[in-house]
Amino acid sequence: MIHVDKLRDPTAETAPTRRARLAPPASLDGKTVALMDIGKSRGKEFIDRLEGHFRKAGIATKRYAKPTNTKVAPLAVMQQIAAEAQLAVIALSD
C-alpha cells in the first residue's frame, strides 16, 4: 500500500520564491505518477524498484530522464511531465 500522506512537493533550490505547498491527493486511484531518473549512478535500478511497487499497487507510471545530473531538467521534459502525470517522484540513487 502506498500512503499518499507521505508524498512531498519539493521546490527547486534555484527558485527561492515561496509558494503554497500543494495538498497531496486523497488517493492515487486513476492518477499517473511520473518517475524521473536524474542521471545519477544506478538511478535506473532504483526507478525499476519504485515502478514495481507502484504497479503492484495498481498505480500507472510513466518514466522520464534528465540528459545529465549536473543541470536542471529541460523545460520540454518538465512540460511533458505536467501534461502526462499528476504526481512526480524525482529519483536520487546515491
Protein backbone atom coordinates (compact mmCIF):
# COMPACT_ATOMS: atom_id res chain seq x y z
CA MET A 1 0.00 0.00 0.00
CA ILE A 2 1.30 3.42 -0.89
CA HIS A 3 0.45 6.13 1.63
CA VAL A 4 -0.41 9.42 -0.04
CA ASP A 5 0.15 11.38 3.18
CA LYS A 6 3.90 10.69 2.90
CA LEU A 7 4.32 12.25 -0.55
CA ARG A 8 6.06 15.61 -0.72
CA ASP A 9 6.10 18.60 -3.08
CA PRO A 10 9.77 19.57 -3.45
CA THR A 11 10.62 23.01 -4.78
CA ALA A 12 13.73 23.57 -6.89
CA GLU A 13 16.58 25.15 -4.95
CA THR A 14 17.01 27.62 -7.81
CA ALA A 15 13.57 29.15 -7.15
CA PRO A 16 13.70 30.86 -3.74
CA THR A 17 10.23 32.38 -4.14
CA ARG A 18 7.89 30.92 -1.56
CA ARG A 19 4.70 29.34 -2.76
CA ALA A 20 1.95 27.43 -1.07
CA ARG A 21 2.53 23.69 -0.87
CA LEU A 22 0.10 21.69 -2.96
CA ALA A 23 -2.06 19.35 -0.94
CA PRO A 24 -1.41 15.70 -1.76
CA PRO A 25 -4.30 13.88 -3.42
CA ALA A 26 -6.60 11.85 -1.21
CA SER A 27 -5.88 8.80 -3.36
CA LEU A 28 -3.64 7.71 -6.22
CA ASP A 29 -6.53 5.90 -7.91
CA GLY A 30 -6.76 6.97 -11.55
CA LYS A 31 -3.57 9.03 -11.27
CA THR A 32 -0.34 8.65 -13.24
CA VAL A 33 2.95 9.03 -11.38
CA ALA A 34 5.95 10.39 -13.27
CA LEU A 35 9.22 8.66 -12.36
CA MET A 36 12.22 10.82 -13.25
CA ASP A 37 15.76 9.50 -13.41
CA ILE A 38 18.08 12.43 -12.75
CA GLY A 39 21.06 10.67 -14.35
CA LYS A 40 22.93 9.51 -11.25
CA SER A 41 24.61 6.14 -10.94
CA ARG A 42 22.12 3.26 -10.51
CA GLY A 43 19.14 5.56 -10.90
CA LYS A 44 17.54 3.21 -13.42
CA GLU A 45 17.68 0.34 -10.92
CA PHE A 46 16.06 2.49 -8.24
CA ILE A 47 13.27 3.57 -10.58
CA ASP A 48 12.75 -0.05 -11.65
CA ARG A 49 12.06 -0.91 -7.99
CA LEU A 50 9.76 2.08 -7.48
CA GLU A 51 7.86 1.24 -10.65
CA GLY A 52 7.42 -2.34 -9.45
CA HIS A 53 5.89 -1.16 -6.17
CA PHE A 54 3.54 1.25 -7.95
CA ARG A 55 2.46 -1.45 -10.44
CA LYS A 56 1.83 -3.90 -7.62
CA ALA A 57 -0.48 -1.27 -6.09
CA GLY A 58 -2.24 -0.79 -9.45
CA ILE A 59 -0.88 2.73 -10.00
CA ALA A 60 0.07 3.86 -13.51
CA THR A 61 3.57 5.24 -14.07
CA LYS A 62 5.48 6.96 -16.86
CA ARG A 63 9.25 7.25 -16.96
CA TYR A 64 11.32 10.31 -17.77
CA ALA A 65 15.02 11.13 -17.61
CA LYS A 66 17.25 14.16 -17.47
CA PRO A 67 20.06 14.10 -20.02
CA THR A 68 22.62 14.75 -17.25
CA ASN A 69 22.60 15.01 -13.48
CA THR A 70 24.53 18.29 -13.50
CA LYS A 71 21.77 20.51 -14.89
CA VAL A 72 18.10 21.11 -14.23
CA ALA A 73 15.63 19.14 -16.34
CA PRO A 74 14.92 20.70 -19.74
CA LEU A 75 11.71 22.71 -19.92
CA ALA A 76 10.30 20.31 -22.52
CA VAL A 77 10.68 17.36 -20.12
CA MET A 78 9.01 19.29 -17.30
CA GLN A 79 6.14 20.30 -19.60
CA GLN A 80 5.73 16.69 -20.73
CA ILE A 81 5.54 15.51 -17.12
CA ALA A 82 2.96 18.20 -16.29
CA ALA A 83 0.85 17.16 -19.29
CA GLU A 84 1.06 13.40 -18.74
CA ALA A 85 1.13 12.86 -14.95
CA GLN A 86 -0.50 14.22 -11.82
CA LEU A 87 2.37 13.40 -9.43
CA ALA A 88 6.12 13.01 -9.76
CA VAL A 89 8.90 11.14 -7.99
CA ILE A 90 12.37 12.51 -8.65
CA ALA A 91 14.71 9.60 -8.03
CA LEU A 92 18.01 10.14 -6.24
CA SER A 93 20.08 6.99 -6.13
CA ASP A 94 23.38 7.79 -4.43
